N, C-alpha and C. Protein backbone atom coordinates (compact mmCIF):
# COMPACT_ATOMS: atom_id res chain seq x y z
N MET A 1 -4.29 16.13 -2.88
CA MET A 1 -3.81 15.19 -3.04
C MET A 1 -3.78 15.16 -4.85
N ASP A 2 -2.97 15.02 -5.37
CA ASP A 2 -2.43 15.78 -7.23
C ASP A 2 -2.76 13.63 -7.26
N LYS A 3 -2.68 14.61 -9.19
CA LYS A 3 -2.66 13.35 -9.80
C LYS A 3 -2.04 12.19 -9.60
N GLU A 4 -0.92 12.58 -10.12
CA GLU A 4 0.29 11.18 -9.50
C GLU A 4 -0.34 10.35 -8.67
N GLN A 5 -0.59 10.87 -6.91
CA GLN A 5 -0.55 10.20 -5.88
C GLN A 5 -1.88 9.78 -6.24
N LEU A 6 -2.93 10.41 -7.30
CA LEU A 6 -4.64 9.46 -7.56
C LEU A 6 -4.04 8.23 -8.38
N LEU A 7 -2.86 8.41 -9.09
CA LEU A 7 -2.80 7.31 -10.01
C LEU A 7 -2.56 6.05 -9.73
N LEU A 8 -1.28 6.87 -8.57
CA LEU A 8 -0.77 5.65 -7.11
C LEU A 8 -1.89 4.53 -6.74
N LYS A 9 -3.11 5.47 -6.46
CA LYS A 9 -4.21 4.58 -5.83
C LYS A 9 -4.84 3.87 -6.46
N ILE A 10 -5.00 4.71 -7.74
CA ILE A 10 -6.08 3.52 -8.78
C ILE A 10 -4.85 2.40 -9.21
N THR A 11 -3.36 2.87 -9.35
CA THR A 11 -2.49 1.36 -10.18
C THR A 11 -2.93 0.46 -8.82
N GLU A 12 -2.59 0.81 -7.29
CA GLU A 12 -3.08 -0.09 -6.87
C GLU A 12 -3.93 -1.10 -6.34
N ALA A 13 -5.69 -0.56 -7.04
CA ALA A 13 -6.43 -1.26 -6.97
C ALA A 13 -6.92 -2.34 -8.08
N PHE A 14 -6.14 -1.63 -9.57
CA PHE A 14 -6.12 -2.35 -10.12
C PHE A 14 -5.54 -3.93 -10.21
N SER A 15 -4.73 -3.35 -9.22
CA SER A 15 -3.71 -4.54 -8.99
C SER A 15 -3.76 -5.64 -8.68
N LYS A 16 -4.72 -5.23 -7.21
CA LYS A 16 -5.69 -5.61 -6.33
C LYS A 16 -6.52 -6.71 -6.77
N VAL A 17 -7.66 -5.89 -7.71
CA VAL A 17 -8.72 -7.05 -7.78
C VAL A 17 -7.95 -8.05 -9.82
N LEU A 18 -7.11 -6.69 -10.07
CA LEU A 18 -6.57 -8.36 -11.53
C LEU A 18 -5.63 -9.09 -11.25
N GLU A 19 -5.02 -8.75 -9.74
CA GLU A 19 -3.90 -9.70 -9.06
C GLU A 19 -2.83 -9.76 -10.04
N HIS A 20 -2.48 -8.80 -10.85
CA HIS A 20 -0.99 -8.69 -11.62
C HIS A 20 -0.32 -7.10 -11.44
N ASN A 21 0.86 -6.57 -11.75
CA ASN A 21 0.48 -5.57 -12.03
C ASN A 21 1.48 -5.30 -13.32
N ASN A 22 1.11 -5.76 -14.25
CA ASN A 22 2.45 -6.29 -15.25
C ASN A 22 1.38 -5.09 -16.61
N PHE A 23 1.23 -3.67 -15.80
CA PHE A 23 0.69 -2.63 -17.12
C PHE A 23 0.97 -1.14 -16.34
N GLU A 24 1.11 -0.39 -17.20
CA GLU A 24 1.40 1.19 -16.91
C GLU A 24 0.40 2.69 -17.16
N LEU A 25 -0.88 2.33 -15.68
CA LEU A 25 -1.86 3.05 -16.23
C LEU A 25 -1.32 4.93 -16.75
N GLN A 26 -1.91 5.40 -17.49
CA GLN A 26 -1.69 6.36 -17.96
C GLN A 26 -3.33 6.99 -18.57
N ASN A 27 -3.37 8.15 -18.98
CA ASN A 27 -4.64 8.61 -18.64
C ASN A 27 -5.15 8.28 -20.29
N GLU A 28 -4.12 7.85 -20.71
CA GLU A 28 -4.57 6.67 -22.44
C GLU A 28 -5.21 5.94 -21.73
N THR A 29 -4.91 5.40 -21.18
CA THR A 29 -5.04 3.67 -21.07
C THR A 29 -6.25 3.00 -21.03
N THR A 30 -6.92 2.36 -21.65
CA THR A 30 -8.53 1.54 -21.77
C THR A 30 -8.27 0.28 -21.37
N ALA A 31 -8.94 -0.50 -21.33
CA ALA A 31 -9.12 -1.71 -20.68
C ALA A 31 -9.07 -2.59 -22.07
N ASN A 32 -8.80 -2.54 -23.24
CA ASN A 32 -7.57 -3.07 -24.79
C ASN A 32 -6.17 -2.99 -23.98
N ASP A 33 -5.75 -2.41 -23.16
CA ASP A 33 -4.40 -1.71 -22.53
C ASP A 33 -4.21 -3.16 -21.32
N VAL A 34 -4.80 -3.29 -21.05
CA VAL A 34 -4.47 -3.68 -19.68
C VAL A 34 -5.33 -5.43 -19.55
N ASP A 35 -4.32 -6.23 -19.54
CA ASP A 35 -4.34 -7.60 -19.33
C ASP A 35 -5.69 -8.56 -18.14
N GLY A 36 -6.75 -8.33 -18.78
CA GLY A 36 -7.59 -9.71 -17.67
C GLY A 36 -8.32 -7.65 -17.69
N TRP A 37 -8.55 -6.53 -18.56
CA TRP A 37 -9.61 -5.92 -17.52
C TRP A 37 -10.93 -5.35 -18.49
N ASP A 38 -11.50 -6.72 -17.95
CA ASP A 38 -13.28 -7.19 -19.06
C ASP A 38 -14.38 -6.38 -18.40
N SER A 39 -15.37 -6.78 -18.51
CA SER A 39 -16.72 -5.77 -17.94
C SER A 39 -16.93 -6.68 -16.66
N VAL A 40 -16.44 -7.12 -15.85
CA VAL A 40 -16.95 -7.85 -14.56
C VAL A 40 -15.77 -7.09 -14.04
N THR A 41 -14.50 -7.77 -14.18
CA THR A 41 -13.43 -6.33 -12.93
C THR A 41 -13.04 -5.02 -13.18
N HIS A 42 -13.86 -4.76 -14.27
CA HIS A 42 -14.09 -3.09 -14.46
C HIS A 42 -14.87 -2.94 -13.57
N MET A 43 -16.05 -3.51 -13.05
CA MET A 43 -17.15 -3.36 -11.68
C MET A 43 -16.41 -3.14 -10.52
N MET A 44 -15.24 -4.89 -10.61
CA MET A 44 -14.78 -4.88 -9.32
C MET A 44 -13.89 -3.89 -9.01
N ILE A 45 -12.88 -3.28 -9.85
CA ILE A 45 -11.76 -2.32 -9.83
C ILE A 45 -12.56 -0.71 -9.45
N ILE A 46 -14.14 -0.44 -10.31
CA ILE A 46 -14.74 0.77 -9.86
C ILE A 46 -15.23 0.77 -8.47
N ASN A 47 -15.20 -0.58 -8.08
CA ASN A 47 -16.17 -1.18 -6.36
C ASN A 47 -14.62 -0.98 -5.81
N GLU A 48 -13.40 -1.04 -6.10
CA GLU A 48 -11.87 -1.50 -5.15
C GLU A 48 -11.83 0.66 -4.67
N ILE A 49 -12.58 0.49 -5.91
CA ILE A 49 -12.03 2.95 -6.02
C ILE A 49 -12.89 3.47 -5.13
N GLU A 50 -14.10 3.12 -5.42
CA GLU A 50 -15.00 3.52 -4.46
C GLU A 50 -14.81 3.57 -2.66
N ASN A 51 -14.31 2.28 -2.32
CA ASN A 51 -13.83 1.77 -0.89
C ASN A 51 -13.02 2.71 -1.18
N LEU A 52 -11.91 2.08 -1.37
CA LEU A 52 -10.68 3.41 -1.38
C LEU A 52 -10.32 4.67 -0.87
N PHE A 53 -11.48 5.08 -1.52
CA PHE A 53 -11.96 6.49 -1.40
C PHE A 53 -12.59 6.87 -0.67
N SER A 54 -13.58 6.41 -0.12
CA SER A 54 -14.78 6.94 0.33
C SER A 54 -15.62 7.45 -0.43
N ILE A 55 -16.06 6.82 -1.65
CA ILE A 55 -16.90 7.39 -2.72
C ILE A 55 -18.02 7.20 -2.82
N LYS A 56 -18.84 7.17 -3.85
CA LYS A 56 -19.81 6.44 -4.69
C LYS A 56 -19.66 7.75 -6.58
N PHE A 57 -19.11 7.23 -7.51
CA PHE A 57 -19.03 7.12 -8.80
C PHE A 57 -21.19 7.30 -9.02
N GLN A 58 -21.13 8.72 -9.81
CA GLN A 58 -22.73 8.86 -10.55
C GLN A 58 -22.34 7.99 -11.93
N LEU A 59 -23.70 6.95 -11.87
CA LEU A 59 -23.81 6.68 -13.58
C LEU A 59 -23.05 7.42 -14.26
N MET A 60 -24.18 7.98 -14.76
CA MET A 60 -23.56 8.76 -16.21
C MET A 60 -22.10 9.59 -16.25
N ASP A 61 -21.11 9.52 -15.29
CA ASP A 61 -19.88 9.95 -15.20
C ASP A 61 -18.81 8.61 -15.51
N LEU A 62 -19.61 7.29 -14.87
CA LEU A 62 -19.16 5.86 -15.64
C LEU A 62 -19.70 5.92 -16.90
N MET A 63 -20.54 5.36 -17.37
CA MET A 63 -20.99 5.69 -18.78
C MET A 63 -19.96 6.45 -19.42
N ASN A 64 -20.02 8.07 -18.94
CA ASN A 64 -18.37 8.80 -20.19
C ASN A 64 -17.16 8.51 -19.61
N MET A 65 -16.68 7.70 -19.30
CA MET A 65 -15.56 7.21 -18.85
C MET A 65 -15.01 5.79 -19.87
N GLN A 66 -13.76 7.03 -20.46
CA GLN A 66 -13.41 6.02 -21.61
C GLN A 66 -12.32 5.74 -21.20
N ASN A 67 -10.92 6.21 -20.58
CA ASN A 67 -9.67 6.25 -20.20
C ASN A 67 -9.97 5.80 -19.13
N VAL A 68 -8.17 5.75 -18.40
CA VAL A 68 -8.36 6.58 -17.23
C VAL A 68 -7.71 7.62 -16.83
N GLY A 69 -7.48 8.38 -17.72
CA GLY A 69 -7.63 10.04 -18.24
C GLY A 69 -8.81 10.15 -17.31
N ASP A 70 -10.27 10.32 -17.80
CA ASP A 70 -11.74 10.12 -17.89
C ASP A 70 -11.88 10.12 -16.08
N LEU A 71 -11.42 8.80 -15.62
CA LEU A 71 -11.26 8.02 -14.40
C LEU A 71 -11.09 9.34 -13.15
N VAL A 72 -9.84 9.74 -13.83
CA VAL A 72 -8.94 10.59 -12.52
C VAL A 72 -9.78 12.12 -12.13
N ALA A 73 -10.55 12.46 -13.94
CA ALA A 73 -11.32 13.04 -13.85
C ALA A 73 -11.39 13.40 -12.65
N VAL A 74 -12.89 12.47 -12.87
CA VAL A 74 -14.55 11.89 -11.79
C VAL A 74 -13.85 11.68 -10.76
N LEU A 75 -12.78 10.92 -10.06
CA LEU A 75 -12.36 10.75 -8.70
C LEU A 75 -11.57 12.13 -8.15
N GLU A 76 -10.88 12.92 -9.46
CA GLU A 76 -10.54 14.72 -8.79
C GLU A 76 -12.12 15.28 -8.56
N LYS A 77 -13.04 14.97 -9.13
CA LYS A 77 -14.15 15.91 -8.38
C LYS A 77 -15.11 15.36 -7.96
N GLU A 78 -15.32 14.19 -7.55
CA GLU A 78 -15.92 13.78 -6.55
C GLU A 78 -15.37 13.86 -5.24
N LEU A 79 -13.97 13.94 -5.22
CA LEU A 79 -13.59 14.19 -3.97
C LEU A 79 -13.40 15.82 -3.16
N ALA A 80 -13.34 16.61 -4.57
CA ALA A 80 -13.10 17.86 -4.38
C ALA A 80 -14.89 18.19 -3.87
N SER A 81 -15.78 17.36 -4.04
CA SER A 81 -17.45 17.71 -3.47
C SER A 81 -17.40 17.24 -2.43
N LYS A 82 -16.16 16.27 -2.16
CA LYS A 82 -16.26 15.90 -0.53
C LYS A 82 -15.87 16.51 0.45
N ALA A 83 -14.91 17.33 -0.29
CA ALA A 83 -14.17 18.33 0.88
C ALA A 83 -14.62 19.62 1.18
């Protein structure tokens, strides 16, 4: 799965949790850029992504994520380790 496909699936997870799609996720996107993305919904989004891809993020990876690009990179790493 390429980065564009990953980003589309991640966007679906965001839309499901936030119950809107008034945003466009890009590598530089942070919580400050998306209405409703706060600490509680962040954990819900992470949980939704873990369920969607049948993975479990490592705590250090979660702590080091600064933006959507970091999320995509960690997701790629997790998916590669499952292959």
